[in-house]
């Protein structure tokens, strides 16, 4: 599969601190390209490595320098959306299954957190 995916465009934005005031926030679009060209989608190890590269790129794009809890939640949501968008764009069942497993675990963890 010789395809590069672009993690960004309209759906991936990262919060950065505004230059005028520390409390101001502005949305800035950033992007990273992750190549899936040499990925053998029949090899679970290669699929997992591609998923890790996509996740790392999404985290780099979505990470903001602010450290408050609201921003951390926004960064995490941005990362999830970026990864899921890239996975949809690649459209490989093995990668989609891995993304589903990761999101199911994250949802189960969040639900368990709310019950305590």
PDB file of N, CA and C in Angstrom:
ATOM      1  N   UNK A   1       0.854  -1.166   0.000  1.00  0.00           N
ATOM      2  CA  UNK A   1       0.000   0.000   0.000  1.00  0.00           C
ATOM      3  C   UNK A   1       0.902   1.231   0.000  1.00  0.00           C
ATOM      4  N   UNK A   2       0.885   1.981  -1.089  1.00  0.00           N
ATOM      5  CA  UNK A   2       1.732   3.166  -1.167  1.00  0.00           C
ATOM      6  C   UNK A   2       0.860   4.398  -0.979  1.00  0.00           C
ATOM      7  N   UNK A   3       0.689   4.751   0.244  1.00  0.00           N
ATOM      8  CA  UNK A   3      -0.178   5.868   0.580  1.00  0.00           C
ATOM      9  C   UNK A   3       0.411   6.597   1.780  1.00  0.00           C
ATOM     10  N   UNK A   4       0.394   7.890   1.745  1.00  0.00           N
ATOM     11  CA  UNK A   4       0.753   8.683   2.918  1.00  0.00           C
ATOM     12  C   UNK A   4      -0.531   9.245   3.489  1.00  0.00           C
ATOM     13  N   UNK A   5      -0.614   9.262   4.776  1.00  0.00           N
ATOM     14  CA  UNK A   5      -1.798   9.852   5.381  1.00  0.00           C
ATOM     15  C   UNK A   5      -1.404  11.171   6.022  1.00  0.00           C
ATOM     16  N   UNK A   6      -2.296  12.073   5.991  1.00  0.00           N
ATOM     17  CA  UNK A   6      -2.061  13.382   6.570  1.00  0.00           C
ATOM     18  C   UNK A   6      -2.899  13.491   7.826  1.00  0.00           C
ATOM     19  N   UNK A   7      -2.230  13.643   8.938  1.00  0.00           N
ATOM     20  CA  UNK A   7      -2.950  13.826  10.197  1.00  0.00           C
ATOM     21  C   UNK A   7      -3.042  15.329  10.400  1.00  0.00           C
ATOM     22  N   UNK A   8      -4.188  15.897  10.113  1.00  0.00           N
ATOM     23  CA  UNK A   8      -4.402  17.306  10.353  1.00  0.00           C
ATOM     24  C   UNK A   8      -5.601  17.795   9.593  1.00  0.00           C
ATOM     25  N   UNK A   9      -5.355  18.699   8.650  1.00  0.00           N
ATOM     26  CA  UNK A   9      -6.372  19.327   7.831  1.00  0.00           C
ATOM     27  C   UNK A   9      -7.439  19.977   8.697  1.00  0.00           C
ATOM     28  N   UNK A  10      -8.698  19.740   8.372  1.00  0.00           N
ATOM     29  CA  UNK A  10      -9.755  20.465   9.060  1.00  0.00           C
ATOM     30  C   UNK A  10     -10.063  19.935  10.447  1.00  0.00           C
ATOM     31  N   UNK A  11      -9.776  18.665  10.721  1.00  0.00           N
ATOM     32  CA  UNK A  11     -10.234  18.089  11.975  1.00  0.00           C
ATOM     33  C   UNK A  11      -9.208  18.101  13.091  1.00  0.00           C
ATOM     34  N   UNK A  12      -7.944  18.368  12.778  1.00  0.00           N
ATOM     35  CA  UNK A  12      -6.912  18.314  13.797  1.00  0.00           C
ATOM     36  C   UNK A  12      -6.416  19.721  14.087  1.00  0.00           C
ATOM     37  N   UNK A  13      -6.761  20.207  15.241  1.00  0.00           N
ATOM     38  CA  UNK A  13      -6.261  21.502  15.677  1.00  0.00           C
ATOM     39  C   UNK A  13      -5.702  21.352  17.074  1.00  0.00           C
ATOM     40  N   UNK A  14      -4.721  22.152  17.377  1.00  0.00           N
ATOM     41  CA  UNK A  14      -4.107  22.102  18.702  1.00  0.00           C
ATOM     42  C   UNK A  14      -4.222  23.467  19.355  1.00  0.00           C
ATOM     43  N   UNK A  15      -4.459  23.473  20.642  1.00  0.00           N
ATOM     44  CA  UNK A  15      -4.510  24.733  21.379  1.00  0.00           C
ATOM     45  C   UNK A  15      -3.103  25.215  21.675  1.00  0.00           C
ATOM     46  N   UNK A  16      -2.871  26.481  21.434  1.00  0.00           N
ATOM     47  CA  UNK A  16      -1.602  27.090  21.835  1.00  0.00           C
ATOM     48  C   UNK A  16      -1.918  28.377  22.574  1.00  0.00           C
ATOM     49  N   UNK A  17      -1.031  28.783  23.443  1.00  0.00           N
ATOM     50  CA  UNK A  17      -1.252  30.014  24.205  1.00  0.00           C
ATOM     51  C   UNK A  17      -1.183  31.215  23.275  1.00  0.00           C
ATOM     52  N   UNK A  18      -2.078  32.165  23.483  1.00  0.00           N
ATOM     53  CA  UNK A  18      -2.055  33.384  22.695  1.00  0.00           C
ATOM     54  C   UNK A  18      -0.853  34.239  23.051  1.00  0.00           C
ATOM     55  N   UNK A  19      -0.363  35.010  22.099  1.00  0.00           N
ATOM     56  CA  UNK A  19       0.834  35.813  22.333  1.00  0.00           C
ATOM     57  C   UNK A  19       0.550  37.027  23.214  1.00  0.00           C
ATOM     58  N   UNK A  20      -0.647  37.592  23.122  1.00  0.00           N
ATOM     59  CA  UNK A  20      -0.937  38.815  23.854  1.00  0.00           C
ATOM     60  C   UNK A  20      -1.138  38.582  25.351  1.00  0.00           C
ATOM     61  N   UNK A  21      -1.879  37.564  25.712  1.00  0.00           N
ATOM     62  CA  UNK A  21      -2.170  37.292  27.116  1.00  0.00           C
ATOM     63  C   UNK A  21      -1.997  35.807  27.387  1.00  0.00           C
ATOM     64  N   UNK A  22      -1.522  35.480  28.571  1.00  0.00           N
ATOM     65  CA  UNK A  22      -1.314  34.068  28.922  1.00  0.00           C
ATOM     66  C   UNK A  22      -2.635  33.306  28.967  1.00  0.00           C
ATOM     67  N   UNK A  23      -3.738  34.007  29.275  1.00  0.00           N
ATOM     68  CA  UNK A  23      -5.030  33.335  29.378  1.00  0.00           C
ATOM     69  C   UNK A  23      -5.743  33.194  28.037  1.00  0.00           C
ATOM     70  N   UNK A  24      -5.281  33.901  27.024  1.00  0.00           N
ATOM     71  CA  UNK A  24      -5.908  33.795  25.706  1.00  0.00           C
ATOM     72  C   UNK A  24      -5.510  32.475  25.058  1.00  0.00           C
ATOM     73  N   UNK A  25      -6.450  31.884  24.341  1.00  0.00           N
ATOM     74  CA  UNK A  25      -6.159  30.646  23.619  1.00  0.00           C
ATOM     75  C   UNK A  25      -6.584  30.822  22.175  1.00  0.00           C
ATOM     76  N   UNK A  26      -5.783  30.317  21.284  1.00  0.00           N
ATOM     77  CA  UNK A  26      -6.100  30.387  19.864  1.00  0.00           C
ATOM     78  C   UNK A  26      -5.968  28.997  19.263  1.00  0.00           C
ATOM     79  N   UNK A  27      -6.820  28.685  18.333  1.00  0.00           N
ATOM     80  CA  UNK A  27      -6.724  27.409  17.624  1.00  0.00           C
ATOM     81  C   UNK A  27      -5.778  27.591  16.441  1.00  0.00           C
ATOM     82  N   UNK A  28      -4.823  26.698  16.360  1.00  0.00           N
ATOM     83  CA  UNK A  28      -3.845  26.738  15.279  1.00  0.00           C
ATOM     84  C   UNK A  28      -3.804  25.361  14.644  1.00  0.00           C
ATOM     85  N   UNK A  29      -3.932  25.297  13.325  1.00  0.00           N
ATOM     86  CA  UNK A  29      -3.855  24.009  12.654  1.00  0.00           C
ATOM     87  C   UNK A  29      -2.406  23.595  12.483  1.00  0.00           C
ATOM     88  N   UNK A  30      -2.132  22.357  12.816  1.00  0.00           N
ATOM     89  CA  UNK A  30      -0.813  21.775  12.619  1.00  0.00           C
ATOM     90  C   UNK A  30      -1.010  20.444  11.925  1.00  0.00           C
ATOM     91  N   UNK A  31       0.030  19.949  11.275  1.00  0.00           N
ATOM     92  CA  UNK A  31      -0.107  18.665  10.612  1.00  0.00           C
ATOM     93  C   UNK A  31       1.188  17.876  10.627  1.00  0.00           C
ATOM     94  N   UNK A  32       1.045  16.592  10.536  1.00  0.00           N
ATOM     95  CA  UNK A  32       2.167  15.659  10.425  1.00  0.00           C
ATOM     96  C   UNK A  32       1.772  14.621   9.384  1.00  0.00           C
ATOM     97  N   UNK A  33       2.720  14.150   8.622  1.00  0.00           N
ATOM     98  CA  UNK A  33       2.474  13.096   7.647  1.00  0.00           C
ATOM     99  C   UNK A  33       3.083  11.799   8.154  1.00  0.00           C
ATOM    100  N   UNK A  34       2.304  10.737   8.094  1.00  0.00           N
ATOM    101  CA  UNK A  34       2.769   9.411   8.497  1.00  0.00           C
ATOM    102  C   UNK A  34       2.601   8.500   7.290  1.00  0.00           C
ATOM    103  N   UNK A  35       3.677   7.868   6.872  1.00  0.00           N
ATOM    104  CA  UNK A  35       3.625   6.989   5.707  1.00  0.00           C
ATOM    105  C   UNK A  35       3.244   5.571   6.114  1.00  0.00           C
ATOM    106  N   UNK A  36       2.328   4.998   5.351  1.00  0.00           N
ATOM    107  CA  UNK A  36       1.941   3.599   5.538  1.00  0.00           C
ATOM    108  C   UNK A  36       2.453   2.764   4.371  1.00  0.00           C
ATOM    109  N   UNK A  37       3.381   3.330   3.605  1.00  0.00           N
ATOM    110  CA  UNK A  37       3.830   2.719   2.351  1.00  0.00           C
ATOM    111  C   UNK A  37       4.425   1.330   2.519  1.00  0.00           C
ATOM    112  N   UNK A  38       5.192   1.099   3.546  1.00  0.00           N
ATOM    113  CA  UNK A  38       5.871  -0.187   3.692  1.00  0.00           C
ATOM    114  C   UNK A  38       5.206  -1.089   4.727  1.00  0.00           C
ATOM    115  N   UNK A  39       3.996  -0.755   5.104  1.00  0.00           N
ATOM    116  CA  UNK A  39       3.298  -1.536   6.121  1.00  0.00           C
ATOM    117  C   UNK A  39       2.632  -2.753   5.494  1.00  0.00           C
ATOM    118  N   UNK A  40       2.933  -3.925   6.027  1.00  0.00           N
ATOM    119  CA  UNK A  40       2.250  -5.162   5.645  1.00  0.00           C
ATOM    120  C   UNK A  40       1.079  -5.328   6.607  1.00  0.00           C
ATOM    121  N   UNK A  41      -0.119  -5.077   6.117  1.00  0.00           N
ATOM    122  CA  UNK A  41      -1.294  -5.104   6.986  1.00  0.00           C
ATOM    123  C   UNK A  41      -1.700  -6.513   7.402  1.00  0.00           C
ATOM    124  N   UNK A  42      -1.033  -7.520   6.868  1.00  0.00           N
ATOM    125  CA  UNK A  42      -1.248  -8.899   7.321  1.00  0.00           C
ATOM    126  C   UNK A  42      -0.312  -9.264   8.466  1.00  0.00           C
ATOM    127  N   UNK A  43       0.579  -8.341   8.831  1.00  0.00           N
ATOM    128  CA  UNK A  43       1.530  -8.559   9.912  1.00  0.00           C
ATOM    129  C   UNK A  43       1.089  -7.722  11.119  1.00  0.00           C
ATOM    130  N   UNK A  44       0.556  -8.360  12.171  1.00  0.00           N
ATOM    131  CA  UNK A  44       0.058  -7.610  13.333  1.00  0.00           C
ATOM    132  C   UNK A  44       1.106  -6.697  13.967  1.00  0.00           C
ATOM    133  N   UNK A  45       2.366  -7.109  13.960  1.00  0.00           N
ATOM    134  CA  UNK A  45       3.424  -6.273  14.530  1.00  0.00           C
ATOM    135  C   UNK A  45       3.615  -4.985  13.750  1.00  0.00           C
ATOM    136  N   UNK A  46       3.555  -5.083  12.417  1.00  0.00           N
ATOM    137  CA  UNK A  46       3.695  -3.884  11.594  1.00  0.00           C
ATOM    138  C   UNK A  46       2.479  -2.969  11.734  1.00  0.00           C
ATOM    139  N   UNK A  47       1.307  -3.553  11.857  1.00  0.00           N
ATOM    140  CA  UNK A  47       0.093  -2.751  12.055  1.00  0.00           C
ATOM    141  C   UNK A  47       0.187  -1.994  13.376  1.00  0.00           C
ATOM    142  N   UNK A  48       0.650  -2.681  14.415  1.00  0.00           N
ATOM    143  CA  UNK A  48       0.797  -2.053  15.731  1.00  0.00           C
ATOM    144  C   UNK A  48       1.826  -0.918  15.680  1.00  0.00           C
ATOM    145  N   UNK A  49       2.927  -1.124  14.951  1.00  0.00           N
ATOM    146  CA  UNK A  49       3.950  -0.068  14.826  1.00  0.00           C
ATOM    147  C   UNK A  49       3.395   1.143  14.075  1.00  0.00           C
ATOM    148  N   UNK A  50       2.630   0.906  13.012  1.00  0.00           N
ATOM    149  CA  UNK A  50       2.007   2.013  12.285  1.00  0.00           C
ATOM    150  C   UNK A  50       1.057   2.768  13.208  1.00  0.00           C
ATOM    151  N   UNK A  51       0.279   2.043  13.988  1.00  0.00           N
ATOM    152  CA  UNK A  51      -0.657   2.677  14.920  1.00  0.00           C
ATOM    153  C   UNK A  51       0.098   3.539  15.930  1.00  0.00           C
ATOM    154  N   UNK A  52       1.223   3.038  16.414  1.00  0.00           N
ATOM    155  CA  UNK A  52       2.043   3.817  17.358  1.00  0.00           C
ATOM    156  C   UNK A  52       2.578   5.081  16.692  1.00  0.00           C
ATOM    157  N   UNK A  53       2.993   4.984  15.425  1.00  0.00           N
ATOM    158  CA  UNK A  53       3.501   6.166  14.712  1.00  0.00           C
ATOM    159  C   UNK A  53       2.384   7.182  14.487  1.00  0.00           C
ATOM    160  N   UNK A  54       1.203   6.699  14.139  1.00  0.00           N
ATOM    161  CA  UNK A  54       0.053   7.592  13.963  1.00  0.00           C
ATOM    162  C   UNK A  54      -0.275   8.285  15.284  1.00  0.00           C
ATOM    163  N   UNK A  55      -0.285   7.515  16.365  1.00  0.00           N
ATOM    164  CA  UNK A  55      -0.590   8.076  17.684  1.00  0.00           C
ATOM    165  C   UNK A  55       0.450   9.108  18.097  1.00  0.00           C
ATOM    166  N   UNK A  56       1.721   8.819  17.865  1.00  0.00           N
ATOM    167  CA  UNK A  56       2.788   9.768  18.219  1.00  0.00           C
ATOM    168  C   UNK A  56       2.642  11.061  17.422  1.00  0.00           C
ATOM    169  N   UNK A  57       2.318  10.948  16.135  1.00  0.00           N
ATOM    170  CA  UNK A  57       2.127  12.143  15.314  1.00  0.00           C
ATOM    171  C   UNK A  57       0.923  12.940  15.804  1.00  0.00           C
ATOM    172  N   UNK A  58      -0.150  12.256  16.143  1.00  0.00           N
ATOM    173  CA  UNK A  58      -1.344  12.941  16.648  1.00  0.00           C
ATOM    174  C   UNK A  58      -1.057  13.639  17.969  1.00  0.00           C
ATOM    175  N   UNK A  59      -0.314  12.970  18.847  1.00  0.00           N
ATOM    176  CA  UNK A  59       0.044  13.595  20.127  1.00  0.00           C
ATOM    177  C   UNK A  59       0.904  14.834  19.907  1.00  0.00           C
ATOM    178  N   UNK A  60       1.826  14.772  18.949  1.00  0.00           N
ATOM    179  CA  UNK A  60       2.676  15.930  18.659  1.00  0.00           C
ATOM    180  C   UNK A  60       1.850  17.094  18.123  1.00  0.00           C
ATOM    181  N   UNK A  61       0.880  16.790  17.273  1.00  0.00           N
ATOM    182  CA  UNK A  61       0.029  17.830  16.701  1.00  0.00           C
ATOM    183  C   UNK A  61      -0.909  18.410  17.757  1.00  0.00           C
ATOM    184  N   UNK A  62      -1.430  17.565  18.609  1.00  0.00           N
ATOM    185  CA  UNK A  62      -2.473  17.988  19.548  1.00  0.00           C
ATOM    186  C   UNK A  62      -1.949  18.505  20.877  1.00  0.00           C
ATOM    187  N   UNK A  63      -0.698  18.253  21.184  1.00  0.00           N
ATOM    188  CA  UNK A  63      -0.151  18.668  22.479  1.00  0.00           C
ATOM    189  C   UNK A  63      -0.045  20.186  22.555  1.00  0.00           C
ATOM    190  N   UNK A  64      -0.538  20.734  23.642  1.00  0.00           N
ATOM    191  CA  UNK A  64      -0.398  22.171  23.870  1.00  0.00           C
ATOM    192  C   UNK A  64       0.534  22.377  25.056  1.00  0.00           C
ATOM    193  N   UNK A  65       1.018  23.567  25.184  1.00  0.00           N
ATOM    194  CA  UNK A  65       1.965  23.874  26.262  1.00  0.00           C
ATOM    195  C   UNK A  65       1.261  24.158  27.587  1.00  0.00           C
ATOM    196  N   UNK A  66      -0.049  24.269  27.553  1.00  0.00           N
ATOM    197  CA  UNK A  66      -0.804  24.556  28.768  1.00  0.00           C
ATOM    198  C   UNK A  66      -1.010  23.268  29.553  1.00  0.00           C
ATOM    199  N   UNK A  67      -1.001  23.373  30.870  1.00  0.00           N
ATOM    200  CA  UNK A  67      -1.062  22.154  31.679  1.00  0.00           C
ATOM    201  C   UNK A  67      -2.290  22.070  32.586  1.00  0.00           C
ATOM    202  N   UNK A  68      -3.323  22.835  32.299  1.00  0.00           N
ATOM    203  CA  UNK A  68      -4.520  22.748  33.136  1.00  0.00           C
ATOM    204  C   UNK A  68      -5.360  21.531  32.723  1.00  0.00           C
ATOM    205  N   UNK A  69      -6.221  21.042  33.615  1.00  0.00           N
ATOM    206  CA  UNK A  69      -7.005  19.830  33.328  1.00  0.00           C
ATOM    207  C   UNK A  69      -7.915  19.947  32.104  1.00  0.00           C
ATOM    208  N   UNK A  70      -8.495  21.102  31.891  1.00  0.00           N
ATOM    209  CA  UNK A  70      -9.380  21.276  30.736  1.00  0.00           C
ATOM    210  C   UNK A  70      -8.587  21.120  29.447  1.00  0.00           C
ATOM    211  N   UNK A  71      -7.434  21.754  29.379  1.00  0.00           N
ATOM    212  CA  UNK A  71      -6.599  21.652  28.189  1.00  0.00           C
ATOM    213  C   UNK A  71      -6.101  20.228  27.991  1.00  0.00           C
ATOM    214  N   UNK A  72      -5.760  19.548  29.073  1.00  0.00           N
ATOM    215  CA  UNK A  72      -5.315  18.152  28.964  1.00  0.00           C
ATOM    216  C   UNK A  72      -6.419  17.286  28.365  1.00  0.00           C
ATOM    217  N   UNK A  73      -7.660  17.511  28.778  1.00  0.00           N
ATOM    218  CA  UNK A  73      -8.792  16.767  28.210  1.00  0.00           C
ATOM    219  C   UNK A  73      -8.991  17.098  26.739  1.00  0.00           C
ATOM    220  N   UNK A  74      -8.837  18.379  26.388  1.00  0.00           N
ATOM    221  CA  UNK A  74      -8.968  18.787  24.988  1.00  0.00           C
ATOM    222  C   UNK A  74      -7.864  18.161  24.140  1.00  0.00           C
ATOM    223  N   UNK A  75      -6.641  18.130  24.679  1.00  0.00           N
ATOM    224  CA  UNK A  75      -5.522  17.504  23.964  1.00  0.00           C
ATOM    225  C   UNK A  75      -5.801  16.023  23.719  1.00  0.00           C
ATOM    226  N   UNK A  76      -6.306  15.337  24.744  1.00  0.00           N
ATOM    227  CA  UNK A  76      -6.604  13.907  24.617  1.00  0.00           C
ATOM    228  C   UNK A  76      -7.709  13.667  23.587  1.00  0.00           C
ATOM    229  N   UNK A  77      -8.734  14.513  23.600  1.00  0.00           N
ATOM    230  CA  UNK A  77      -9.823  14.374  22.628  1.00  0.00           C
ATOM    231  C   UNK A  77      -9.316  14.635  21.214  1.00  0.00           C
ATOM    232  N   UNK A  78      -8.480  15.646  21.063  1.00  0.00           N
ATOM    233  CA  UNK A  78      -7.878  15.955  19.770  1.00  0.00           C
ATOM    234  C   UNK A  78      -7.078  14.759  19.259  1.00  0.00           C
ATOM    235  N   UNK A  79      -6.282  14.156  20.135  1.00  0.00           N
ATOM    236  CA  UNK A  79      -5.461  13.001  19.757  1.00  0.00           C
ATOM    237  C   UNK A  79      -6.343  11.843  19.313  1.00  0.00           C
ATOM    238  N   UNK A  80      -7.392  11.543  20.079  1.00  0.00           N
ATOM    239  CA  UNK A  80      -8.298  10.445  19.707  1.00  0.00           C
ATOM    240  C   UNK A  80      -8.937  10.695  18.347  1.00  0.00           C
ATOM    241  N   UNK A  81      -9.377  11.934  18.114  1.00  0.00           N
ATOM    242  CA  UNK A  81     -10.010  12.267  16.837  1.00  0.00           C
ATOM    243  C   UNK A  81      -9.017  12.157  15.686  1.00  0.00           C
ATOM    244  N   UNK A  82      -7.791  12.619  15.905  1.00  0.00           N
ATOM    245  CA  UNK A  82      -6.773  12.566  14.857  1.00  0.00           C
ATOM    246  C   UNK A  82      -6.439  11.127  14.493  1.00  0.00           C
ATOM    247  N   UNK A  83      -6.243  10.294  15.506  1.00  0.00           N
ATOM    248  CA  UNK A  83      -5.905   8.890  15.260  1.00  0.00           C
ATOM    249  C   UNK A  83      -7.056   8.199  14.541  1.00  0.00           C
ATOM    250  N   UNK A  84      -8.264   8.370  15.037  1.00  0.00           N
ATOM    251  CA  UNK A  84      -9.413   7.715  14.411  1.00  0.00           C
ATOM    252  C   UNK A  84      -9.627   8.198  12.980  1.00  0.00           C
ATOM    253  N   UNK A  85      -9.403   9.482  12.735  1.00  0.00           N
ATOM    254  CA  UNK A  85      -9.524  10.012  11.376  1.00  0.00           C
ATOM    255  C   UNK A  85      -8.495   9.413  10.434  1.00  0.00           C
ATOM    256  N   UNK A  86      -7.263   9.287  10.907  1.00  0.00           N
ATOM    257  CA  UNK A  86      -6.211   8.686  10.084  1.00  0.00           C
ATOM    258  C   UNK A  86      -6.512   7.218   9.815  1.00  0.00           C
ATOM    259  N   UNK A  87      -6.994   6.514  10.828  1.00  0.00           N
ATOM    260  CA  UNK A  87      -7.339   5.093  10.667  1.00  0.00           C
ATOM    261  C   UNK A  87      -8.456   4.939   9.637  1.00  0.00           C
ATOM    262  N   UNK A  88      -9.470   5.804   9.707  1.00  0.00           N
ATOM    263  CA  UNK A  88     -10.557   5.753   8.713  1.00  0.00           C
ATOM    264  C   UNK A  88     -10.019   6.015   7.317  1.00  0.00           C
ATOM    265  N   UNK A  89      -9.093   6.969   7.195  1.00  0.00           N
ATOM    266  CA  UNK A  89      -8.544   7.316   5.889  1.00  0.00           C
ATOM    267  C   UNK A  89      -7.752   6.158   5.286  1.00  0.00           C
ATOM    268  N   UNK A  90      -6.991   5.455   6.098  1.00  0.00           N
ATOM    269  CA  UNK A  90      -6.214   4.315   5.608  1.00  0.00           C
ATOM    270  C   UNK A  90      -7.142   3.172   5.213  1.00  0.00           C
ATOM    271  N   UNK A  91      -8.227   2.989   5.963  1.00  0.00           N
ATOM    272  CA  UNK A  91      -9.264   2.019   5.628  1.00  0.00           C
ATOM    273  C   UNK A  91      -8.733   0.586   5.528  1.00  0.00           C
ATOM    274  N   UNK A  92      -7.966   0.170   6.531  1.00  0.00           N
ATOM    275  CA  UNK A  92      -7.462  -1.202   6.617  1.00  0.00           C
ATOM    276  C   UNK A  92      -8.141  -1.877   7.808  1.00  0.00           C
ATOM    277  N   UNK A  93      -8.833  -2.987   7.591  1.00  0.00           N
ATOM    278  CA  UNK A  93      -9.572  -3.639   8.678  1.00  0.00           C
ATOM    279  C   UNK A  93      -8.723  -3.947   9.913  1.00  0.00           C
ATOM    280  N   UNK A  94      -7.479  -4.354   9.709  1.00  0.00           N
ATOM    281  CA  UNK A  94      -6.621  -4.705  10.842  1.00  0.00           C
ATOM    282  C   UNK A  94      -6.324  -3.476  11.700  1.00  0.00           C
ATOM    283  N   UNK A  95      -6.075  -2.350  11.050  1.00  0.00           N
ATOM    284  CA  UNK A  95      -5.791  -1.110  11.767  1.00  0.00           C
ATOM    285  C   UNK A  95      -7.051  -0.600  12.467  1.00  0.00           C
ATOM    286  N   UNK A  96      -8.188  -0.716  11.800  1.00  0.00           N
ATOM    287  CA  UNK A  96      -9.461  -0.305  12.399  1.00  0.00           C
ATOM    288  C   UNK A  96      -9.779  -1.138  13.635  1.00  0.00           C
ATOM    289  N   UNK A  97      -9.504  -2.438  13.562  1.00  0.00           N
ATOM    290  CA  UNK A  97      -9.749  -3.316  14.710  1.00  0.00           C
ATOM    291  C   UNK A  97      -8.875  -2.917  15.894  1.00  0.00           C
ATOM    292  N   UNK A  98      -7.613  -2.602  15.633  1.00  0.00           N
ATOM    293  CA  UNK A  98      -6.704  -2.180  16.701  1.00  0.00           C
ATOM    294  C   UNK A  98      -7.186  -0.876  17.325  1.00  0.00           C
ATOM    295  N   UNK A  99      -7.606   0.068  16.499  1.00  0.00           N
ATOM    296  CA  UNK A  99      -8.119   1.341  17.009  1.00  0.00           C
ATOM    297  C   UNK A  99      -9.363   1.106  17.866  1.00  0.00           C
ATOM    298  N   UNK A 100     -10.230   0.204  17.439  1.00  0.00           N
ATOM    299  CA  UNK A 100     -11.420  -0.125  18.220  1.00  0.00           C
ATOM    300  C   UNK A 100     -11.067  -0.712  19.575  1.00  0.00           C
ATOM    301  N   UNK A 101     -10.061  -1.588  19.607  1.00  0.00           N
ATOM    302  CA  UNK A 101      -9.630  -2.181  20.876  1.00  0.00           C
ATOM    303  C   UNK A 101      -9.087  -1.114  21.816  1.00  0.00           C
ATOM    304  N   UNK A 102      -8.270  -0.223  21.297  1.00  0.00           N
ATOM    305  CA  UNK A 102      -7.681   0.839  22.119  1.00  0.00           C
ATOM    306  C   UNK A 102      -8.782   1.746  22.664  1.00  0.00           C
ATOM    307  N   UNK A 103      -9.729   2.129  21.821  1.00  0.00           N
ATOM    308  CA  UNK A 103     -10.814   3.009  22.266  1.00  0.00           C
ATOM    309  C   UNK A 103     -11.742   2.313  23.250  1.00  0.00           C
ATOM    310  N   UNK A 104     -11.972   1.008  23.075  1.00  0.00           N
ATOM    311  CA  UNK A 104     -12.796   0.261  24.035  1.00  0.00           C
ATOM    312  C   UNK A 104     -12.141   0.233  25.406  1.00  0.00           C
ATOM    313  N   UNK A 105     -10.818   0.029  25.443  1.00  0.00           N
ATOM    314  CA  UNK A 105     -10.105   0.017  26.725  1.00  0.00           C
ATOM    315  C   UNK A 105     -10.163   1.386  27.383  1.00  0.00           C
ATOM    316  N   UNK A 106      -9.995   2.440  26.589  1.00  0.00           N
ATOM    317  CA  UNK A 106     -10.043   3.797  27.138  1.00  0.00           C
ATOM    318  C   UNK A 106     -11.430   4.098  27.694  1.00  0.00           C
ATOM    319  N   UNK A 107     -12.475   3.672  26.993  1.00  0.00           N
ATOM    320  CA  UNK A 107     -13.846   3.897  27.465  1.00  0.00           C
ATOM    321  C   UNK A 107     -14.114   3.126  28.747  1.00  0.00           C
ATOM    322  N   UNK A 108     -13.663   1.884  28.800  1.00  0.00           N
ATOM    323  CA  UNK A 108     -13.861   1.072  30.003  1.00  0.00           C
ATOM    324  C   UNK A 108     -13.143   1.690  31.191  1.00  0.00           C
ATOM    325  N   UNK A 109     -11.946   2.206  30.971  1.00  0.00           N
ATOM    326  CA  UNK A 109     -11.186   2.846  32.039  1.00  0.00           C
ATOM    327  C   UNK A 109     -11.917   4.093  32.530  1.00  0.00           C
ATOM    328  N   UNK A 110     -12.417   4.899  31.598  1.00  0.00           N
ATOM    329  CA  UNK A 110     -13.125   6.123  31.974  1.00  0.00           C
ATOM    330  C   UNK A 110     -14.402   5.799  32.742  1.00  0.00           C
ATOM    331  N   UNK A 111     -15.125   4.780  32.315  1.00  0.00           N
ATOM    332  CA  UNK A 111     -16.355   4.396  33.013  1.00  0.00           C
ATOM    333  C   UNK A 111     -16.039   3.891  34.420  1.00  0.00           C
ATOM    334  N   UNK A 112     -14.986   3.133  34.579  1.00  0.00           N
ATOM    335  CA  UNK A 112     -14.579   2.630  35.887  1.00  0.00           C
ATOM    336  C   UNK A 112     -14.179   3.788  36.793  1.00  0.00           C
ATOM    337  N   UNK A 113     -13.538   4.790  36.212  1.00  0.00           N
ATOM    338  CA  UNK A 113     -13.112   5.969  36.961  1.00  0.00           C
ATOM    339  C   UNK A 113     -14.321   6.710  37.534  1.00  0.00           C
ATOM    340  N   UNK A 114     -15.393   6.790  36.780  1.00  0.00           N
ATOM    341  CA  UNK A 114     -16.577   7.527  37.217  1.00  0.00           C
ATOM    342  C   UNK A 114     -17.359   6.784  38.288  1.00  0.00           C
ATOM    343  N   UNK A 115     -17.205   5.477  38.352  1.00  0.00           N
ATOM    344  CA  UNK A 115     -17.970   4.691  39.313  1.00  0.00           C
ATOM    345  C   UNK A 115     -17.376   4.762  40.709  1.00  0.00           C
ATOM    346  N   UNK A 116     -16.150   5.222  40.856  1.00  0.00           N
ATOM    347  CA  UNK A 116     -15.510   5.265  42.174  1.00  0.00           C
ATOM    348  C   UNK A 116     -15.567   6.624  42.788  1.00  0.00           C
TER     349      UNK A 116
END
